[in-house]
Amino acid sequence: MKTIVVTGHSKGIGQAVTKQLIENGDHVIGIARSAAPQQDSLTQYEADLSDVTETAAVAKEIAKTKTLNAIVCNAGSGTFAALENFSVNQIQQQLQLNLLSPLILLRSILPILKRQESSHVVLVGSESAIKGGKFGSVYSAAKFGIRGAAQALRHECASANCKVGIINPGMTRSDFFDDLAFEPGSQDSHALLANDVAKAVLIMLNSSGSAVIDEIVINPLHHVVRKK
């Protein structure tokens, strides 16, 4: 049984990842703003990862765990508008949640992962980590940043047999779009499902031997966006 940290475990992609890991017999340490229904093989921490103080505190607690085999940094959200329409607080919160919180968590957890015989770090990025789009300046800045961090950590952690990779999904049907003015089109081919991304996470976590999957890009068959 492996012990794997999953951020944003109570909804969307994180929930799908957690479900699959537990079904595979792993123990999940979940971090989210709100708890999921309690079940065996799930330890939960409630924390707002857009708050660096809360993130540092929960990272310190999890770092007390003697054995960790992997972390899946999935928690995130997006706000989309012309840059001049963002408040300073909105910019700060987006960068803290999508970029700073994974780095703060990894700062505390990587020493444990590096002590294992083998371990994994999976970062969930976005198609916005590859190509910036209109009204996505702040979100893309964070996702480009986390992609750069993944590439750097890939080399930094290799000597400890800790494999680092990033998954960049396209539009995924989830609560991500609840507070946005747009969403994927209505047809199945217009959006990924959370399980599609979770399967990609499992592919990375199950890579064995000396093979490293640096990056996975996964998109729906058709790119269709509609206004609400």
C-alpha atoms as a PDB file:
ATOM      1  CA  MET A   1       0.000   0.000   0.000  1.00  0.00           C
ATOM      2  CA  LYS A   2       1.328   3.415  -0.991  1.00  0.00           C
ATOM      3  CA  THR A   3       0.618   6.695   0.790  1.00  0.00           C
ATOM      4  CA  ILE A   4      -0.138   9.503  -1.639  1.00  0.00           C
ATOM      5  CA  VAL A   5      -0.952  13.162  -0.976  1.00  0.00           C
ATOM      6  CA  VAL A   6      -3.688  14.616  -3.211  1.00  0.00           C
ATOM      7  CA  THR A   7      -4.603  18.300  -3.101  1.00  0.00           C
ATOM      8  CA  GLY A   8      -8.136  19.340  -4.004  1.00  0.00           C
ATOM      9  CA  HIS A   9      -9.227  15.765  -3.289  1.00  0.00           C
ATOM     10  CA  SER A  10     -12.875  16.478  -2.494  1.00  0.00           C
ATOM     11  CA  LYS A  11     -14.058  17.610  -5.931  1.00  0.00           C
ATOM     12  CA  GLY A  12     -13.504  17.211  -9.656  1.00  0.00           C
ATOM     13  CA  ILE A  13     -10.227  15.747 -10.859  1.00  0.00           C
ATOM     14  CA  GLY A  14      -8.873  15.356  -7.321  1.00  0.00           C
ATOM     15  CA  GLN A  15     -11.938  13.386  -6.276  1.00  0.00           C
ATOM     16  CA  ALA A  16     -11.578  11.087  -9.290  1.00  0.00           C
ATOM     17  CA  VAL A  17      -7.877  10.555  -8.555  1.00  0.00           C
ATOM     18  CA  THR A  18      -8.599   9.811  -4.896  1.00  0.00           C
ATOM     19  CA  LYS A  19     -11.326   7.311  -5.781  1.00  0.00           C
ATOM     20  CA  GLN A  20      -9.065   5.394  -8.151  1.00  0.00           C
ATOM     21  CA  LEU A  21      -6.144   5.344  -5.720  1.00  0.00           C
ATOM     22  CA  ILE A  22      -8.277   4.010  -2.861  1.00  0.00           C
ATOM     23  CA  GLU A  23      -9.808   1.382  -5.168  1.00  0.00           C
ATOM     24  CA  ASN A  24      -6.228   0.330  -5.993  1.00  0.00           C
ATOM     25  CA  GLY A  25      -5.528  -0.189  -2.301  1.00  0.00           C
ATOM     26  CA  ASP A  26      -3.562   2.999  -1.609  1.00  0.00           C
ATOM     27  CA  HIS A  27      -3.880   5.376   1.323  1.00  0.00           C
ATOM     28  CA  VAL A  28      -4.660   8.994   0.388  1.00  0.00           C
ATOM     29  CA  ILE A  29      -3.838  12.082   2.419  1.00  0.00           C
ATOM     30  CA  GLY A  30      -6.238  14.673   1.051  1.00  0.00           C
ATOM     31  CA  ILE A  31      -6.030  18.450   1.363  1.00  0.00           C
ATOM     32  CA  ALA A  32      -8.987  20.653   0.441  1.00  0.00           C
ATOM     33  CA  ARG A  33     -11.073  23.562   1.685  1.00  0.00           C
ATOM     34  CA  SER A  34     -13.930  21.207   2.537  1.00  0.00           C
ATOM     35  CA  ALA A  35     -13.807  17.567   3.535  1.00  0.00           C
ATOM     36  CA  ALA A  36     -15.089  14.698   1.430  1.00  0.00           C
ATOM     37  CA  PRO A  37     -17.211  11.924   2.985  1.00  0.00           C
ATOM     38  CA  GLN A  38     -14.938  10.035   5.334  1.00  0.00           C
ATOM     39  CA  GLN A  39     -13.846   6.559   4.325  1.00  0.00           C
ATOM     40  CA  ASP A  40     -11.171   4.022   5.123  1.00  0.00           C
ATOM     41  CA  SER A  41      -7.761   4.759   3.593  1.00  0.00           C
ATOM     42  CA  LEU A  42      -8.435   8.514   3.540  1.00  0.00           C
ATOM     43  CA  THR A  43      -6.867  11.032   5.922  1.00  0.00           C
ATOM     44  CA  GLN A  44      -8.126  14.583   5.423  1.00  0.00           C
ATOM     45  CA  TYR A  45      -6.803  18.050   6.152  1.00  0.00           C
ATOM     46  CA  GLU A  46      -8.986  21.101   5.640  1.00  0.00           C
ATOM     47  CA  ALA A  47      -6.969  24.069   4.423  1.00  0.00           C
ATOM     48  CA  ASP A  48      -7.325  27.016   2.073  1.00  0.00           C
ATOM     49  CA  LEU A  49      -4.373  26.591  -0.264  1.00  0.00           C
ATOM     50  CA  SER A  50      -4.777  30.136  -1.567  1.00  0.00           C
ATOM     51  CA  ASP A  51      -3.523  31.209   1.874  1.00  0.00           C
ATOM     52  CA  VAL A  52       0.239  30.721   2.160  1.00  0.00           C
ATOM     53  CA  THR A  53       0.097  30.609   5.962  1.00  0.00           C
ATOM     54  CA  GLU A  54      -2.454  27.771   5.950  1.00  0.00           C
ATOM     55  CA  THR A  55      -0.517  25.989   3.215  1.00  0.00           C
ATOM     56  CA  ALA A  56       2.731  26.155   5.187  1.00  0.00           C
ATOM     57  CA  ALA A  57       0.973  24.907   8.321  1.00  0.00           C
ATOM     58  CA  VAL A  58      -0.604  21.872   6.649  1.00  0.00           C
ATOM     59  CA  ALA A  59       2.667  21.120   4.845  1.00  0.00           C
ATOM     60  CA  LYS A  60       4.433  21.060   8.220  1.00  0.00           C
ATOM     61  CA  GLU A  61       1.854  18.607   9.594  1.00  0.00           C
ATOM     62  CA  ILE A  62       2.043  16.253   6.621  1.00  0.00           C
ATOM     63  CA  ALA A  63       5.835  16.343   6.734  1.00  0.00           C
ATOM     64  CA  LYS A  64       5.595  14.488  10.072  1.00  0.00           C
ATOM     65  CA  THR A  65       4.479  11.406   8.125  1.00  0.00           C
ATOM     66  CA  LYS A  66       7.380   8.953   8.023  1.00  0.00           C
ATOM     67  CA  THR A  67       6.592   7.406   4.660  1.00  0.00           C
ATOM     68  CA  LEU A  68       5.142   9.169   1.633  1.00  0.00           C
ATOM     69  CA  ASN A  69       5.317   7.669  -1.830  1.00  0.00           C
ATOM     70  CA  ALA A  70       3.868  10.402  -4.015  1.00  0.00           C
ATOM     71  CA  ILE A  71       2.092  13.727  -4.197  1.00  0.00           C
ATOM     72  CA  VAL A  72      -0.481  14.850  -6.755  1.00  0.00           C
ATOM     73  CA  CYS A  73      -0.719  18.658  -6.768  1.00  0.00           C
ATOM     74  CA  ASN A  74      -4.145  19.166  -8.294  1.00  0.00           C
ATOM     75  CA  ALA A  75      -5.902  21.979  -6.381  1.00  0.00           C
ATOM     76  CA  GLY A  76      -6.548  25.058  -8.478  1.00  0.00           C
ATOM     77  CA  SER A  77      -9.069  27.508  -9.846  1.00  0.00           C
ATOM     78  CA  GLY A  78      -9.234  30.109 -12.577  1.00  0.00           C
ATOM     79  CA  THR A  79     -10.480  33.646 -12.967  1.00  0.00           C
ATOM     80  CA  PHE A  80     -10.538  35.097 -16.475  1.00  0.00           C
ATOM     81  CA  ALA A  81     -10.665  38.779 -17.387  1.00  0.00           C
ATOM     82  CA  ALA A  82      -8.580  41.566 -18.880  1.00  0.00           C
ATOM     83  CA  LEU A  83      -5.580  42.062 -16.613  1.00  0.00           C
ATOM     84  CA  GLU A  84      -6.565  45.629 -15.681  1.00  0.00           C
ATOM     85  CA  ASN A  85      -9.860  44.334 -14.310  1.00  0.00           C
ATOM     86  CA  PHE A  86      -8.182  42.162 -11.667  1.00  0.00           C
ATOM     87  CA  SER A  87      -7.749  43.523  -8.177  1.00  0.00           C
ATOM     88  CA  VAL A  88      -4.360  43.125  -6.526  1.00  0.00           C
ATOM     89  CA  ASN A  89      -5.949  40.627  -4.126  1.00  0.00           C
ATOM     90  CA  GLN A  90      -7.369  38.546  -6.989  1.00  0.00           C
ATOM     91  CA  ILE A  91      -3.973  38.347  -8.681  1.00  0.00           C
ATOM     92  CA  GLN A  92      -2.328  37.380  -5.422  1.00  0.00           C
ATOM     93  CA  GLN A  93      -4.869  34.655  -4.606  1.00  0.00           C
ATOM     94  CA  GLN A  94      -4.669  33.106  -8.076  1.00  0.00           C
ATOM     95  CA  LEU A  95      -0.884  32.931  -7.975  1.00  0.00           C
ATOM     96  CA  GLN A  96      -0.886  31.631  -4.415  1.00  0.00           C
ATOM     97  CA  LEU A  97      -3.326  28.802  -5.148  1.00  0.00           C
ATOM     98  CA  ASN A  98      -2.096  27.732  -8.576  1.00  0.00           C
ATOM     99  CA  LEU A  99       1.661  28.312  -8.219  1.00  0.00           C
ATOM    100  CA  LEU A 100       2.858  29.057  -4.699  1.00  0.00           C
ATOM    101  CA  SER A 101       0.899  26.388  -2.804  1.00  0.00           C
ATOM    102  CA  PRO A 102       2.370  23.438  -4.762  1.00  0.00           C
ATOM    103  CA  LEU A 103       5.870  24.836  -4.265  1.00  0.00           C
ATOM    104  CA  ILE A 104       5.320  25.369  -0.533  1.00  0.00           C
ATOM    105  CA  LEU A 105       3.966  21.829  -0.131  1.00  0.00           C
ATOM    106  CA  LEU A 106       6.802  20.316  -2.141  1.00  0.00           C
ATOM    107  CA  ARG A 107       9.355  22.249  -0.107  1.00  0.00           C
ATOM    108  CA  SER A 108       8.279  20.269   2.971  1.00  0.00           C
ATOM    109  CA  ILE A 109       7.400  16.948   1.346  1.00  0.00           C
ATOM    110  CA  LEU A 110      10.247  16.430  -1.124  1.00  0.00           C
ATOM    111  CA  PRO A 111      12.794  15.481   1.575  1.00  0.00           C
ATOM    112  CA  ILE A 112      10.502  12.581   2.572  1.00  0.00           C
ATOM    113  CA  LEU A 113       9.918  11.506  -1.014  1.00  0.00           C
ATOM    114  CA  LYS A 114      13.655  11.570  -1.735  1.00  0.00           C
ATOM    115  CA  ARG A 115      14.302   9.169   1.134  1.00  0.00           C
ATOM    116  CA  GLN A 116      12.097   6.477  -0.421  1.00  0.00           C
ATOM    117  CA  GLU A 117      13.393   3.800  -2.747  1.00  0.00           C
ATOM    118  CA  SER A 118      11.293   5.453  -5.447  1.00  0.00           C
ATOM    119  CA  SER A 119       8.626   8.158  -5.455  1.00  0.00           C
ATOM    120  CA  HIS A 120       6.562  10.412  -7.708  1.00  0.00           C
ATOM    121  CA  VAL A 121       5.507  14.026  -8.007  1.00  0.00           C
ATOM    122  CA  VAL A 122       2.591  14.704 -10.355  1.00  0.00           C
ATOM    123  CA  LEU A 123       1.611  18.303 -11.021  1.00  0.00           C
ATOM    124  CA  VAL A 124      -1.719  19.039 -12.704  1.00  0.00           C
ATOM    125  CA  GLY A 125      -1.185  21.952 -15.048  1.00  0.00           C
ATOM    126  CA  SER A 126      -3.455  23.030 -17.884  1.00  0.00           C
ATOM    127  CA  GLU A 127      -3.589  23.666 -21.605  1.00  0.00           C
ATOM    128  CA  SER A 128      -2.994  27.243 -20.405  1.00  0.00           C
ATOM    129  CA  ALA A 129       0.510  26.133 -19.370  1.00  0.00           C
ATOM    130  CA  ILE A 130       1.328  25.589 -23.040  1.00  0.00           C
ATOM    131  CA  LYS A 131      -0.434  28.447 -24.794  1.00  0.00           C
ATOM    132  CA  GLY A 132      -1.798  31.638 -23.280  1.00  0.00           C
ATOM    133  CA  GLY A 133      -5.294  32.669 -24.268  1.00  0.00           C
ATOM    134  CA  LYS A 134      -7.366  35.845 -24.200  1.00  0.00           C
ATOM    135  CA  PHE A 135      -8.287  36.932 -20.643  1.00  0.00           C
ATOM    136  CA  GLY A 136      -6.061  34.217 -19.193  1.00  0.00           C
ATOM    137  CA  SER A 137      -2.982  36.261 -18.271  1.00  0.00           C
ATOM    138  CA  VAL A 138      -3.020  35.535 -14.536  1.00  0.00           C
ATOM    139  CA  TYR A 139      -4.040  31.886 -14.851  1.00  0.00           C
ATOM    140  CA  SER A 140      -1.493  31.249 -17.598  1.00  0.00           C
ATOM    141  CA  ALA A 141       1.221  32.978 -15.604  1.00  0.00           C
ATOM    142  CA  ALA A 142       0.639  30.528 -12.762  1.00  0.00           C
ATOM    143  CA  LYS A 143       0.362  27.463 -14.998  1.00  0.00           C
ATOM    144  CA  PHE A 144       3.399  28.389 -17.109  1.00  0.00           C
ATOM    145  CA  GLY A 145       5.226  28.777 -13.806  1.00  0.00           C
ATOM    146  CA  ILE A 146       4.220  25.363 -12.484  1.00  0.00           C
ATOM    147  CA  ARG A 147       5.232  23.774 -15.796  1.00  0.00           C
ATOM    148  CA  GLY A 148       8.660  25.395 -15.482  1.00  0.00           C
ATOM    149  CA  ALA A 149       8.914  24.141 -11.902  1.00  0.00           C
ATOM    150  CA  ALA A 150       8.081  20.605 -13.068  1.00  0.00           C
ATOM    151  CA  GLN A 151      10.816  20.715 -15.699  1.00  0.00           C
ATOM    152  CA  ALA A 152      13.389  21.969 -13.193  1.00  0.00           C
ATOM    153  CA  LEU A 153      12.384  19.514 -10.457  1.00  0.00           C
ATOM    154  CA  ARG A 154      12.499  16.664 -12.973  1.00  0.00           C
ATOM    155  CA  HIS A 155      16.307  17.058 -13.071  1.00  0.00           C
ATOM    156  CA  GLU A 156      16.681  18.112  -9.441  1.00  0.00           C
ATOM    157  CA  CYS A 157      15.000  14.952  -8.104  1.00  0.00           C
ATOM    158  CA  ALA A 158      16.256  12.344 -10.557  1.00  0.00           C
ATOM    159  CA  SER A 159      19.286  11.331  -8.482  1.00  0.00           C
ATOM    160  CA  ALA A 160      16.912  10.376  -5.629  1.00  0.00           C
ATOM    161  CA  ASN A 161      14.773   8.241  -7.979  1.00  0.00           C
ATOM    162  CA  CYS A 162      11.910  10.690  -7.506  1.00  0.00           C
ATOM    163  CA  LYS A 163      10.069  11.059 -10.798  1.00  0.00           C
ATOM    164  CA  VAL A 164       8.471  14.412 -11.567  1.00  0.00           C
ATOM    165  CA  GLY A 165       5.902  14.995 -14.299  1.00  0.00           C
ATOM    166  CA  ILE A 166       3.104  17.345 -15.285  1.00  0.00           C
ATOM    167  CA  ILE A 167      -0.292  16.667 -16.841  1.00  0.00           C
ATOM    168  CA  ASN A 168      -1.831  19.436 -18.932  1.00  0.00           C
ATOM    169  CA  PRO A 169      -5.540  18.778 -19.483  1.00  0.00           C
ATOM    170  CA  GLY A 170      -7.794  20.739 -21.758  1.00  0.00           C
ATOM    171  CA  MET A 171     -11.332  21.716 -20.795  1.00  0.00           C
ATOM    172  CA  THR A 172     -12.637  19.236 -18.246  1.00  0.00           C
ATOM    173  CA  ARG A 173     -16.264  19.015 -17.216  1.00  0.00           C
ATOM    174  CA  SER A 174     -16.165  19.844 -13.509  1.00  0.00           C
ATOM    175  CA  ASP A 175     -16.989  22.469 -10.903  1.00  0.00           C
ATOM    176  CA  PHE A 176     -14.069  24.540 -12.291  1.00  0.00           C
ATOM    177  CA  PHE A 177     -16.603  26.369 -14.474  1.00  0.00           C
ATOM    178  CA  ASP A 178     -19.258  26.947 -11.794  1.00  0.00           C
ATOM    179  CA  ASP A 179     -18.365  30.611 -11.248  1.00  0.00           C
ATOM    180  CA  LEU A 180     -17.144  31.373 -14.769  1.00  0.00           C
ATOM    181  CA  ALA A 181     -19.063  32.982 -17.627  1.00  0.00           C
ATOM    182  CA  PHE A 182     -18.194  30.178 -20.049  1.00  0.00           C
ATOM    183  CA  GLU A 183     -18.041  26.399 -20.107  1.00  0.00           C
ATOM    184  CA  PRO A 184     -17.369  23.538 -22.530  1.00  0.00           C
ATOM    185  CA  GLY A 185     -19.945  22.731 -25.170  1.00  0.00           C
ATOM    186  CA  SER A 186     -22.694  20.268 -24.302  1.00  0.00           C
ATOM    187  CA  GLN A 187     -21.563  17.267 -26.339  1.00  0.00           C
ATOM    188  CA  ASP A 188     -19.370  14.520 -24.906  1.00  0.00           C
ATOM    189  CA  SER A 189     -16.581  15.338 -27.364  1.00  0.00           C
ATOM    190  CA  HIS A 190     -16.426  18.963 -26.141  1.00  0.00           C
ATOM    191  CA  ALA A 191     -14.861  18.218 -22.753  1.00  0.00           C
ATOM    192  CA  LEU A 192     -12.787  15.702 -20.876  1.00  0.00           C
ATOM    193  CA  LEU A 193     -14.186  13.916 -17.847  1.00  0.00           C
ATOM    194  CA  ALA A 194     -12.430  14.032 -14.503  1.00  0.00           C
ATOM    195  CA  ASN A 195     -11.799  10.287 -14.847  1.00  0.00           C
ATOM    196  CA  ASP A 196      -9.913  10.887 -18.102  1.00  0.00           C
ATOM    197  CA  VAL A 197      -7.418  13.074 -16.265  1.00  0.00           C
ATOM    198  CA  ALA A 198      -7.311  10.713 -13.280  1.00  0.00           C
ATOM    199  CA  LYS A 199      -6.305   7.878 -15.598  1.00  0.00           C
ATOM    200  CA  ALA A 200      -3.415  10.003 -16.873  1.00  0.00           C
ATOM    201  CA  VAL A 201      -2.347  10.637 -13.274  1.00  0.00           C
ATOM    202  CA  LEU A 202      -2.358   6.880 -12.607  1.00  0.00           C
ATOM    203  CA  ILE A 203      -0.241   6.286 -15.713  1.00  0.00           C
ATOM    204  CA  MET A 204       2.410   8.623 -14.302  1.00  0.00           C
ATOM    205  CA  LEU A 205       2.230   7.161 -10.812  1.00  0.00           C
ATOM    206  CA  ASN A 206       2.587   3.630 -12.175  1.00  0.00           C
ATOM    207  CA  SER A 207       5.592   4.315 -14.396  1.00  0.00           C
ATOM    208  CA  SER A 208       8.287   1.876 -13.360  1.00  0.00           C
ATOM    209  CA  GLY A 209      11.967   1.259 -13.743  1.00  0.00           C
ATOM    210  CA  SER A 210      14.082   4.035 -15.190  1.00  0.00           C
ATOM    211  CA  ALA A 211      11.320   5.400 -17.449  1.00  0.00           C
ATOM    212  CA  VAL A 212      10.017   8.872 -16.627  1.00  0.00           C
ATOM    213  CA  ILE A 213       6.896  10.386 -18.167  1.00  0.00           C
ATOM    214  CA  ASP A 214       7.796  14.062 -18.192  1.00  0.00           C
ATOM    215  CA  GLU A 215       4.536  15.464 -19.555  1.00  0.00           C
ATOM    216  CA  ILE A 216       1.113  14.389 -20.723  1.00  0.00           C
ATOM    217  CA  VAL A 217      -1.150  16.660 -22.745  1.00  0.00           C
ATOM    218  CA  ILE A 218      -4.751  15.495 -22.942  1.00  0.00           C
ATOM    219  CA  ASN A 219      -7.561  17.326 -24.755  1.00  0.00           C
ATOM    220  CA  PRO A 220     -11.176  16.721 -25.750  1.00  0.00           C
ATOM    221  CA  LEU A 221     -11.751  15.665 -29.339  1.00  0.00           C
ATOM    222  CA  HIS A 222     -13.380  19.002 -30.219  1.00  0.00           C
ATOM    223  CA  HIS A 223     -12.591  22.417 -28.742  1.00  0.00           C
ATOM    224  CA  VAL A 224     -15.988  24.032 -28.209  1.00  0.00           C
ATOM    225  CA  VAL A 225     -16.646  26.832 -25.715  1.00  0.00           C
ATOM    226  CA  ARG A 226     -20.034  28.358 -25.008  1.00  0.00           C
ATOM    227  CA  LYS A 227     -21.146  31.342 -22.974  1.00  0.00           C
ATOM    228  CA  LYS A 228     -23.537  30.681 -20.116  1.00  0.00           C
END
